[in-house]
């Protein structure tokens, strides 16, 4: 019989006053006893609404039942049937908007901590599991995957499990995509990403780094000269957006992508790092998503005395995970809601035209919410006469990203939309170019890790059908 405690088992974490000055993981994970206790809260519902809410279709009640029985290794293998990155998803997947959102226990209390249990199982497997993954016999069909981020790695893993000869081409020197350059160490330790990648290599996936597809080699050449029967494009959306307001060319203005890449991938936070990064005392972060929270919390850890998030809507409209917002508040990050920058102020005479001065502040205006826009959120509008100045010596723009146009411009017959995203079937990933599939942020624009993984999973199944049933086999 299920434990009907309405409150989920708390997750141990570092004290905020300590963690705000280190890059160690904030949450510490369940013990075996905690995991079993939380798993016993699951009702094992007949209709399994949680599984329906999972973009990669993990058999959630089945793995939780194994945890409740103390069969942790069995639980891991159930998860790994559908997810190539369980330790990652257990940490960064927005479960509260997906699987946990549909948990029946959430109707009269807390939903089951599905993400926390997934993380526990994945970590337990690394620490105790003895059974290694089994490489499948190669079926003589070659598939190329462009981009070693969440969608690309998932697609590669699923195809390798079916026996395909898979090669992943990654532009950076380390595989992982946004998992290594975008998400901070304190949320997702990079050693965990490396372990997940090693598991894929054990399945037979080859990963070639420092290969810029569109420059080093093109999609057309992969298909026409290198013998690949299909290509999956999972290059993400790494092109940052700016507000186009005066002062954005001043020194001390960063895109969140550049700031986080220097911190996460290039380890600028370490004393022995030779990667330059400004260590400001007063930081303004513009935006309200998870990237804005990551940037703000990273700035705090770099020694900033004051970090302020500027968001033009209210807290209820923020797209960031509630847990990340709460962690940011606990660590001392300040929030100014219903506030938008209108100008970045510099230290030299005419800030509007200066390209050499340093940031000294941000001119802002108060906002109010009007009618709902196409997204369903109320549209913010300026309140005349409400301008004020905020002192800052660095400004980080976390306003979303779009795909790099390099691949679309160097691939024949590949259709893109007005945002520069590759047009692909949402259920199969098929593009306008036969044999070319795409998924993740390069199709949807910036979204979540798990949605990118779901797209990679669907594309892998479609590529398998394309090769075996579409005249390719």
Protein backbone atom coordinates (compact mmCIF):
# COMPACT_ATOMS: atom_id res chain seq x y z
CA UNK A 1 0.00 0.00 0.00
CA UNK A 2 1.26 3.47 -0.88
CA UNK A 3 2.48 5.87 1.76
CA UNK A 4 -0.16 8.64 1.76
CA UNK A 5 2.09 11.32 3.25
CA UNK A 6 1.06 14.47 1.32
CA UNK A 7 4.54 16.00 1.56
CA UNK A 8 7.41 14.77 -0.61
CA UNK A 9 10.70 13.76 0.94
CA UNK A 10 12.88 16.91 1.20
CA UNK A 11 16.03 17.13 -0.89
CA UNK A 12 19.22 17.86 1.09
CA UNK A 13 21.16 20.88 -0.19
CA UNK A 14 24.06 23.16 0.62
CA UNK A 15 23.39 26.08 2.94
CA UNK A 16 22.70 29.20 0.81
CA UNK A 17 25.35 31.28 2.59
CA UNK A 18 27.98 28.68 1.69
CA UNK A 19 26.91 27.70 -1.82
CA UNK A 20 26.59 31.28 -3.09
CA UNK A 21 30.38 31.45 -3.17
CA UNK A 22 31.19 28.03 -4.64
CA UNK A 23 30.37 26.13 -7.82
CA UNK A 24 29.69 22.79 -6.13
CA UNK A 25 26.32 21.16 -6.82
CA UNK A 26 23.57 22.86 -4.80
CA UNK A 27 21.33 19.85 -4.20
CA UNK A 28 22.99 16.81 -2.67
CA UNK A 29 20.65 13.99 -3.70
CA UNK A 30 18.63 11.38 -1.83
CA UNK A 31 20.07 8.66 0.36
CA UNK A 32 18.81 5.13 -0.26
CA UNK A 33 16.40 5.48 2.65
CA UNK A 34 15.04 8.78 1.32
CA UNK A 35 14.59 7.37 -2.16
CA UNK A 36 12.68 4.32 -0.93
CA UNK A 37 10.46 6.52 1.25
CA UNK A 38 9.65 8.83 -1.65
CA UNK A 39 9.06 5.94 -4.06
CA UNK A 40 6.52 4.44 -1.68
CA UNK A 41 4.35 7.55 -2.15
CA UNK A 42 3.65 6.46 -5.75
CA UNK A 43 0.13 5.04 -6.33
CA UNK A 44 1.21 3.09 -9.46
CA UNK A 45 -1.83 4.46 -11.30
CA UNK A 46 -3.41 2.29 -13.96
CA UNK A 47 -3.55 5.07 -16.57
CA UNK A 48 -0.01 6.32 -15.88
CA UNK A 49 -0.56 10.04 -16.52
CA UNK A 50 3.05 10.78 -15.51
CA UNK A 51 4.41 8.68 -18.38
CA UNK A 52 2.14 10.54 -20.78
CA UNK A 53 3.72 13.78 -19.58
CA UNK A 54 7.29 12.60 -20.23
CA UNK A 55 8.64 13.70 -23.65
CA UNK A 56 10.78 10.55 -23.93
CA UNK A 57 8.16 8.17 -22.54
CA UNK A 58 9.98 6.72 -19.52
CA UNK A 59 7.94 3.99 -17.80
CA UNK A 60 7.84 6.02 -14.60
CA UNK A 61 5.66 3.84 -12.32
CA UNK A 62 7.75 0.78 -13.25
CA UNK A 63 11.08 2.30 -12.29
CA UNK A 64 9.64 3.86 -9.13
CA UNK A 65 8.22 0.48 -8.08
CA UNK A 66 11.73 -0.98 -8.33
CA UNK A 67 13.10 1.85 -6.20
CA UNK A 68 10.44 1.14 -3.57
CA UNK A 69 11.65 -2.48 -3.51
CA UNK A 70 15.29 -1.43 -3.22
CA UNK A 71 16.03 -2.79 -6.72
CA UNK A 72 17.95 0.29 -7.82
CA UNK A 73 19.91 -1.28 -10.68
CA UNK A 74 16.71 -2.69 -12.18
CA UNK A 75 15.20 0.79 -11.93
CA UNK A 76 18.16 2.20 -13.86
CA UNK A 77 17.77 -0.23 -16.74
CA UNK A 78 14.06 0.58 -17.02
CA UNK A 79 14.89 4.29 -17.31
CA UNK A 80 17.76 3.71 -19.74
CA UNK A 81 15.49 1.89 -22.18
CA UNK A 82 13.93 5.26 -23.03
CA UNK A 83 16.43 7.88 -21.86
CA UNK A 84 20.09 8.12 -22.83
CA UNK A 85 20.76 10.87 -20.27
CA UNK A 86 19.02 9.95 -16.99
CA UNK A 87 21.50 11.68 -14.64
CA UNK A 88 21.11 14.87 -16.67
CA UNK A 89 17.31 14.78 -16.84
CA UNK A 90 17.01 14.09 -13.13
CA UNK A 91 18.77 17.40 -12.51
CA UNK A 92 17.63 19.87 -15.18
CA UNK A 93 14.33 18.58 -16.57
CA UNK A 94 11.36 20.81 -15.59
CA UNK A 95 9.40 17.90 -14.11
CA UNK A 96 6.90 20.25 -12.45
CA UNK A 97 5.62 21.19 -15.94
CA UNK A 98 5.73 17.66 -17.35
CA UNK A 99 5.58 14.28 -15.61
CA UNK A 100 5.02 15.62 -12.06
CA UNK A 101 2.35 17.99 -13.33
CA UNK A 102 0.13 14.99 -14.07
CA UNK A 103 0.91 13.00 -10.90
CA UNK A 104 -2.34 12.12 -9.12
CA UNK A 105 -0.69 12.74 -5.74
CA UNK A 106 -0.39 16.39 -6.71
CA UNK A 107 -4.16 16.83 -6.45
CA UNK A 108 -4.07 16.70 -2.63
CA UNK A 109 -0.49 17.52 -1.76
CA UNK A 110 2.92 17.23 -3.37
CA UNK A 111 3.39 15.16 -6.48
CA UNK A 112 5.87 12.30 -6.27
CA UNK A 113 9.46 13.56 -6.69
CA UNK A 114 9.95 11.80 -10.02
CA UNK A 115 12.96 13.86 -11.06
CA UNK A 116 14.65 13.37 -7.71
CA UNK A 117 14.16 9.62 -7.96
CA UNK A 118 15.50 9.53 -11.53
CA UNK A 119 18.60 11.38 -10.38
CA UNK A 120 19.05 9.02 -7.44
CA UNK A 121 18.79 5.93 -9.65
CA UNK A 122 21.26 7.26 -12.21
CA UNK A 123 23.77 8.25 -9.53
CA UNK A 124 23.36 4.94 -7.71
CA UNK A 125 24.09 3.07 -10.93
CA UNK A 126 27.34 4.99 -11.41
CA UNK A 127 28.41 4.31 -7.81
CA UNK A 128 27.31 0.67 -7.53
CA UNK A 129 26.19 -0.78 -10.85
CA UNK A 130 28.34 -3.53 -12.27
CA UNK A 131 26.54 -4.36 -15.49
CA UNK A 132 27.86 -2.33 -18.44
CA UNK A 133 25.82 -1.39 -21.48
CA UNK A 134 25.80 -3.92 -24.28
CA UNK A 135 26.94 -2.83 -27.72
CA UNK A 136 24.57 -4.09 -30.40
CA UNK A 137 25.77 -5.85 -33.55
CA UNK A 138 26.33 -3.21 -36.25
CA UNK A 139 23.76 -3.38 -39.06
CA UNK A 140 26.04 -1.82 -41.73
CA UNK A 141 23.97 1.37 -42.03
CA UNK A 142 25.74 4.69 -41.38
CA UNK A 143 24.03 7.73 -39.85
CA UNK A 144 25.60 11.11 -39.11
CA UNK A 145 24.47 13.29 -36.21
CA UNK A 146 25.41 16.97 -36.25
CA UNK A 147 25.67 18.44 -32.77
CA UNK A 148 26.48 16.65 -29.50
CA UNK A 149 23.81 18.36 -27.44
CA UNK A 150 20.73 16.74 -25.83
CA UNK A 151 18.85 16.06 -29.08
CA UNK A 152 21.90 14.80 -30.97
CA UNK A 153 23.12 12.55 -28.16
CA UNK A 154 19.64 11.09 -27.69
CA UNK A 155 19.23 10.39 -31.40
CA UNK A 156 22.70 8.83 -31.55
CA UNK A 157 22.05 6.65 -28.50
CA UNK A 158 18.72 5.35 -29.78
CA UNK A 159 20.18 4.53 -33.19
CA UNK A 160 23.19 2.80 -31.63
CA UNK A 161 20.84 0.62 -29.59
CA UNK A 162 19.35 -0.49 -32.93
CA UNK A 163 22.79 -1.38 -34.32
CA UNK A 164 23.46 1.67 -36.50
CA UNK A 165 26.99 2.89 -37.17
CA UNK A 166 26.64 6.41 -35.76
CA UNK A 167 29.11 9.28 -35.92
CA UNK A 168 28.43 12.53 -34.07
CA UNK A 169 30.11 15.72 -35.32
CA UNK A 170 30.53 18.44 -32.70
CA UNK A 171 31.85 21.96 -33.31
CA UNK A 172 33.22 22.47 -29.79
CA UNK A 173 36.15 20.62 -28.24
CA UNK A 174 33.91 18.89 -25.69
CA UNK A 175 30.64 17.01 -26.40
CA UNK A 176 27.48 17.96 -24.53
CA UNK A 177 26.28 21.14 -26.19
CA UNK A 178 24.25 23.34 -23.84
CA UNK A 179 24.84 20.78 -21.08
CA UNK A 180 28.50 21.83 -20.93
CA UNK A 181 28.51 25.45 -22.11
CA UNK A 182 25.16 26.69 -20.85
CA UNK A 183 24.16 25.01 -17.58
CA UNK A 184 26.38 25.89 -14.60
CA UNK A 185 28.39 23.35 -12.63
CA UNK A 186 26.31 23.96 -9.50
CA UNK A 187 23.21 22.70 -11.33
CA UNK A 188 24.80 20.05 -13.53
CA UNK A 189 28.35 18.88 -12.76
CA UNK A 190 30.26 18.36 -16.00
CA UNK A 191 31.66 15.03 -14.79
CA UNK A 192 28.08 13.73 -14.97
CA UNK A 193 27.71 14.84 -18.58
CA UNK A 194 31.04 13.18 -19.41
CA UNK A 195 29.83 9.91 -17.85
CA UNK A 196 26.63 9.97 -19.89
CA UNK A 197 28.69 10.57 -23.05
CA UNK A 198 30.99 7.69 -22.13
CA UNK A 199 27.94 5.42 -21.91
CA UNK A 200 27.04 6.37 -25.48
CA UNK A 201 30.58 5.65 -26.61
CA UNK A 202 30.31 2.22 -24.98
CA UNK A 203 27.24 1.64 -27.16
CA UNK A 204 29.45 2.25 -30.19
CA UNK A 205 28.75 5.93 -30.91
CA UNK A 206 31.76 7.75 -32.37
CA UNK A 207 32.11 11.44 -31.49
CA UNK A 208 34.33 13.74 -33.54
CA UNK A 209 34.90 17.14 -31.91
CA UNK A 210 36.21 20.39 -33.45
CA UNK A 211 34.23 19.71 -36.63
CA UNK A 212 32.21 22.71 -37.80
CA UNK A 213 29.65 21.27 -40.19
CA UNK A 214 29.09 23.90 -42.85
CA UNK A 215 32.80 24.76 -42.81
CA UNK A 216 34.90 21.63 -42.18
CA UNK A 217 32.37 19.54 -44.10
CA UNK A 218 28.82 20.08 -45.33
CA UNK A 219 25.61 18.09 -44.98
CA UNK A 220 25.66 17.54 -48.73
CA UNK A 221 29.15 16.01 -48.52
CA UNK A 222 28.17 13.74 -45.63
CA UNK A 223 25.33 12.30 -47.73
CA UNK A 224 26.91 12.33 -51.17
CA UNK A 225 30.60 11.61 -50.49
CA UNK A 226 31.00 10.12 -47.01
CA UNK A 227 28.49 7.28 -47.29
CA UNK A 228 25.99 8.36 -44.62
CA UNK A 229 22.44 7.30 -45.46
CA UNK A 230 20.79 9.88 -43.19
CA UNK A 231 21.79 12.95 -41.19
CA UNK A 232 20.22 14.32 -38.02
CA UNK A 233 20.77 18.01 -37.28
CA UNK A 234 20.68 18.86 -33.58
CA UNK A 235 22.81 22.00 -33.46
CA UNK A 236 20.66 23.90 -30.99
CA UNK A 237 20.10 27.65 -30.88
CA UNK A 238 23.22 29.46 -29.79
CA UNK A 239 22.87 32.84 -31.49
CA UNK A 240 22.12 35.41 -28.75
CA UNK A 241 19.55 38.19 -28.89
CA UNK A 242 19.96 41.79 -27.76
CA UNK A 243 17.48 44.60 -27.07
CA UNK A 244 18.98 47.06 -29.58
CA UNK A 245 18.98 49.85 -27.01
CA UNK A 246 21.66 52.54 -26.65
CA UNK A 247 24.81 51.47 -24.85
CA UNK A 248 24.83 47.76 -25.72
CA UNK A 249 28.31 48.12 -27.26
CA UNK A 250 29.84 49.28 -23.96
CA UNK A 251 32.44 47.16 -22.21
CA UNK A 252 30.78 45.06 -19.55
CA UNK A 253 27.72 44.13 -21.63
CA UNK A 254 27.54 40.37 -22.24
CA UNK A 255 25.17 37.98 -23.85
CA UNK A 256 24.27 35.26 -21.37
CA UNK A 257 25.69 32.77 -23.88
CA UNK A 258 29.16 34.33 -23.82
CA UNK A 259 29.12 34.83 -20.06
CA UNK A 260 28.02 31.28 -19.29
CA UNK A 261 30.31 29.71 -21.89
CA UNK A 262 33.31 31.41 -20.32
CA UNK A 263 32.22 30.28 -16.87
CA UNK A 264 31.04 26.75 -17.64
CA UNK A 265 32.98 25.43 -20.60
CA UNK A 266 36.17 27.46 -20.12
CA UNK A 267 36.16 27.30 -16.29
CA UNK A 268 36.69 31.06 -15.80
CA UNK A 269 35.58 30.71 -12.17
CA UNK A 270 38.67 28.70 -11.25
CA UNK A 271 41.78 30.43 -9.94
CA UNK A 272 43.98 28.50 -12.39
CA UNK A 273 41.87 29.43 -15.43
CA UNK A 274 43.51 31.59 -18.10
CA UNK A 275 40.11 32.53 -19.56
CA UNK A 276 39.46 36.25 -19.03
CA UNK A 277 36.16 37.31 -17.54
CA UNK A 278 35.03 40.49 -15.87
CA UNK A 279 34.39 40.05 -12.14
CA UNK A 280 31.99 42.93 -11.50
CA UNK A 281 30.62 44.11 -8.16
CA UNK A 282 27.15 45.15 -9.36
CA UNK A 283 25.44 43.08 -12.04
CA UNK A 284 22.15 43.56 -13.86
CA UNK A 285 20.69 40.50 -15.61
CA UNK A 286 17.94 41.15 -18.16
CA UNK A 287 15.45 38.30 -18.66
CA UNK A 288 13.26 35.89 -16.74
CA UNK A 289 14.10 32.38 -17.94
CA UNK A 290 16.35 29.64 -16.63
CA UNK A 291 19.31 31.15 -18.50
CA UNK A 292 18.80 34.43 -16.63
CA UNK A 293 18.78 32.52 -13.33
CA UNK A 294 21.95 30.66 -14.31
CA UNK A 295 23.70 33.91 -15.24
CA UNK A 296 22.61 35.71 -12.07
CA UNK A 297 23.64 32.88 -9.76
CA UNK A 298 26.97 32.48 -11.58
CA UNK A 299 27.68 36.21 -11.23
CA UNK A 300 27.02 35.92 -7.50
CA UNK A 301 29.53 33.07 -7.26
CA UNK A 302 32.14 35.12 -9.12
CA UNK A 303 32.06 37.59 -6.23
CA UNK A 304 29.48 40.19 -7.19
CA UNK A 305 28.20 42.09 -4.18
CA UNK A 306 24.82 42.82 -5.78
CA UNK A 307 23.02 40.98 -8.57
CA UNK A 308 19.67 42.26 -9.83
CA UNK A 309 17.37 40.50 -12.29
CA UNK A 310 15.28 42.88 -14.42
CA UNK A 311 12.11 41.34 -15.83
CA UNK A 312 9.41 43.21 -17.67
CA UNK A 313 6.55 41.07 -16.39
CA UNK A 314 5.63 39.85 -12.90
CA UNK A 315 7.01 36.88 -10.98
CA UNK A 316 4.04 34.69 -11.88
CA UNK A 317 4.82 35.15 -15.58
CA UNK A 318 8.48 34.20 -15.30
CA UNK A 319 9.30 31.16 -17.49
CA UNK A 320 12.15 30.03 -15.20
CA UNK A 321 11.62 26.99 -12.98
CA UNK A 322 10.24 27.95 -9.58
CA UNK A 323 12.99 25.97 -7.88
CA UNK A 324 15.65 28.03 -9.70
CA UNK A 325 13.95 31.30 -8.75
CA UNK A 326 13.77 30.23 -5.10
CA UNK A 327 17.41 29.12 -5.11
CA UNK A 328 18.41 32.48 -6.60
CA UNK A 329 16.51 34.37 -3.91
CA UNK A 330 18.07 32.23 -1.17
CA UNK A 331 21.50 33.08 -2.54
CA UNK A 332 20.88 36.81 -2.41
CA UNK A 333 19.86 37.62 -5.99
CA UNK A 334 17.47 40.58 -6.11
CA UNK A 335 14.51 40.87 -8.48
CA UNK A 336 12.93 43.93 -10.05
CA UNK A 337 9.71 42.85 -11.69
CA UNK A 338 7.69 44.94 -14.15
CA UNK A 339 10.93 46.69 -15.10
CA UNK A 340 12.59 47.08 -18.50
CA UNK A 341 15.95 48.66 -19.51
CA UNK A 342 15.81 51.53 -21.98
CA UNK A 343 19.51 52.46 -22.06
CA UNK A 344 22.83 51.19 -20.75
CA UNK A 345 24.84 54.03 -19.28
CA UNK A 346 28.59 54.35 -19.75
CA UNK A 347 31.45 56.09 -18.01
CA UNK A 348 32.34 58.27 -20.98
CA UNK A 349 30.65 61.43 -22.28
CA UNK A 350 28.08 60.36 -24.87
CA UNK A 351 27.09 56.82 -23.86
CA UNK A 352 24.82 56.45 -26.88
CA UNK A 353 27.78 56.40 -29.26
CA UNK A 354 30.68 55.29 -27.06
CA UNK A 355 32.24 51.94 -27.93
CA UNK A 356 35.14 52.26 -25.54
CA UNK A 357 33.56 53.19 -22.23
CA UNK A 358 32.61 50.87 -19.40
CA UNK A 359 29.14 50.27 -18.03
CA UNK A 360 28.17 52.40 -15.03
CA UNK A 361 24.44 51.75 -14.87
CA UNK A 362 21.13 50.97 -16.53
CA UNK A 363 18.30 53.40 -17.20
CA UNK A 364 15.01 51.56 -16.64
CA UNK A 365 11.30 52.20 -16.88
CA UNK A 366 8.46 50.67 -14.87
CA UNK A 367 5.92 48.51 -16.67
CA UNK A 368 2.33 47.40 -16.18
CA UNK A 369 0.53 44.40 -17.64
CA UNK A 370 -2.10 44.94 -20.29
CA UNK A 371 -4.00 42.53 -22.56
CA UNK A 372 -2.77 38.99 -23.20
CA UNK A 373 -0.47 38.39 -26.17
CA UNK A 374 -0.22 35.36 -28.48
CA UNK A 375 1.59 33.36 -25.79
CA UNK A 376 -1.29 33.85 -23.34
CA UNK A 377 0.73 36.11 -21.07
CA UNK A 378 -0.36 39.68 -20.43
CA UNK A 379 1.58 42.13 -22.56
CA UNK A 380 3.76 44.60 -20.64
CA UNK A 381 3.54 48.32 -21.43
CA UNK A 382 5.56 51.27 -20.21
CA UNK A 383 4.37 53.63 -17.47
CA UNK A 384 5.24 57.16 -18.66
CA UNK A 385 7.37 59.17 -16.27
CA UNK A 386 8.53 56.13 -14.24
CA UNK A 387 12.16 56.11 -15.40
CA UNK A 388 14.96 55.51 -12.91
CA UNK A 389 18.63 54.51 -12.92
CA UNK A 390 20.19 51.37 -11.49
CA UNK A 391 23.89 51.29 -10.72
CA UNK A 392 25.74 48.43 -12.43
CA UNK A 393 29.20 47.74 -13.83
CA UNK A 394 28.06 44.74 -15.89
CA UNK A 395 24.88 43.88 -17.79
CA UNK A 396 24.05 40.34 -18.93
CA UNK A 397 21.41 39.97 -21.65
CA UNK A 398 19.47 36.71 -21.24
CA UNK A 399 16.79 37.33 -23.87
CA UNK A 400 16.67 34.08 -25.79
CA UNK A 401 18.60 32.66 -28.71
CA UNK A 402 18.10 31.58 -32.31
CA UNK A 403 19.82 28.98 -34.53
CA UNK A 404 23.11 29.77 -36.24
CA UNK A 405 22.35 30.03 -39.99
CA UNK A 406 25.59 28.31 -41.09
CA UNK A 407 24.09 24.87 -41.77
CA UNK A 408 20.94 26.12 -43.48
CA UNK A 409 23.02 28.35 -45.77
CA UNK A 410 25.38 25.53 -46.77
CA UNK A 411 22.80 22.77 -47.31
CA UNK A 412 20.83 22.47 -50.53
CA UNK A 413 17.02 22.43 -50.38
CA UNK A 414 16.80 22.86 -46.58
CA UNK A 415 13.79 24.99 -45.70
CA UNK A 416 13.89 27.43 -42.79
CA UNK A 417 11.27 29.72 -41.29
CA UNK A 418 11.40 33.49 -40.68
CA UNK A 419 13.25 32.94 -37.38
CA UNK A 420 15.97 30.94 -39.10
CA UNK A 421 14.79 27.65 -37.58
CA UNK A 422 14.89 24.53 -39.74
CA UNK A 423 11.41 23.46 -40.78
CA UNK A 424 10.85 19.84 -39.70
CA UNK A 425 7.91 17.54 -39.03
CA UNK A 426 7.32 17.64 -35.25
CA UNK A 427 6.60 13.90 -35.11
CA UNK A 428 9.42 12.61 -37.30
CA UNK A 429 11.98 15.39 -37.67
CA UNK A 430 11.84 15.05 -41.48
CA UNK A 431 12.98 18.17 -43.32
CA UNK A 432 12.51 19.35 -46.89
CA UNK A 433 15.75 17.57 -47.85
CA UNK A 434 15.35 13.78 -48.22
CA UNK A 435 17.51 11.91 -45.73
CA UNK A 436 17.98 14.98 -43.52
CA UNK A 437 16.21 15.12 -40.16
CA UNK A 438 16.32 17.81 -37.48
CA UNK A 439 15.12 18.36 -33.95
CA UNK A 440 15.56 20.32 -30.74
CA UNK A 441 16.23 24.04 -30.50
CA UNK A 442 17.39 24.30 -34.12
CA UNK A 443 13.75 23.56 -35.05
CA UNK A 444 11.76 25.04 -32.17
CA UNK A 445 14.02 27.84 -31.00
CA UNK A 446 15.33 27.82 -27.43
CA UNK A 447 13.41 25.28 -25.31
CA UNK A 448 14.18 22.67 -22.65
CA UNK A 449 16.69 19.82 -22.57
CA UNK A 450 13.99 17.17 -22.29
CA UNK A 451 11.99 18.51 -25.25
CA UNK A 452 15.17 18.41 -27.34
CA UNK A 453 15.72 14.82 -26.20
CA UNK A 454 12.16 13.94 -27.15
CA UNK A 455 12.75 15.34 -30.64
CA UNK A 456 15.97 13.33 -30.98
CA UNK A 457 14.12 10.19 -29.92
CA UNK A 458 11.34 10.68 -32.48
CA UNK A 459 13.87 11.39 -35.22
CA UNK A 460 15.84 8.23 -34.41
CA UNK A 461 12.70 6.14 -34.89
CA UNK A 462 11.93 7.97 -38.14
CA UNK A 463 15.48 7.51 -39.44
CA UNK A 464 15.23 3.79 -38.70
CA UNK A 465 12.01 3.60 -40.72
CA UNK A 466 13.49 5.73 -43.51
CA UNK A 467 16.49 3.43 -43.93
CA UNK A 468 14.82 0.04 -43.42
CA UNK A 469 11.45 0.72 -45.03
CA UNK A 470 12.06 3.58 -47.41
CA UNK A 471 14.16 1.83 -49.99
CA UNK A 472 17.44 2.47 -48.16
CA UNK A 473 17.86 -1.06 -46.83
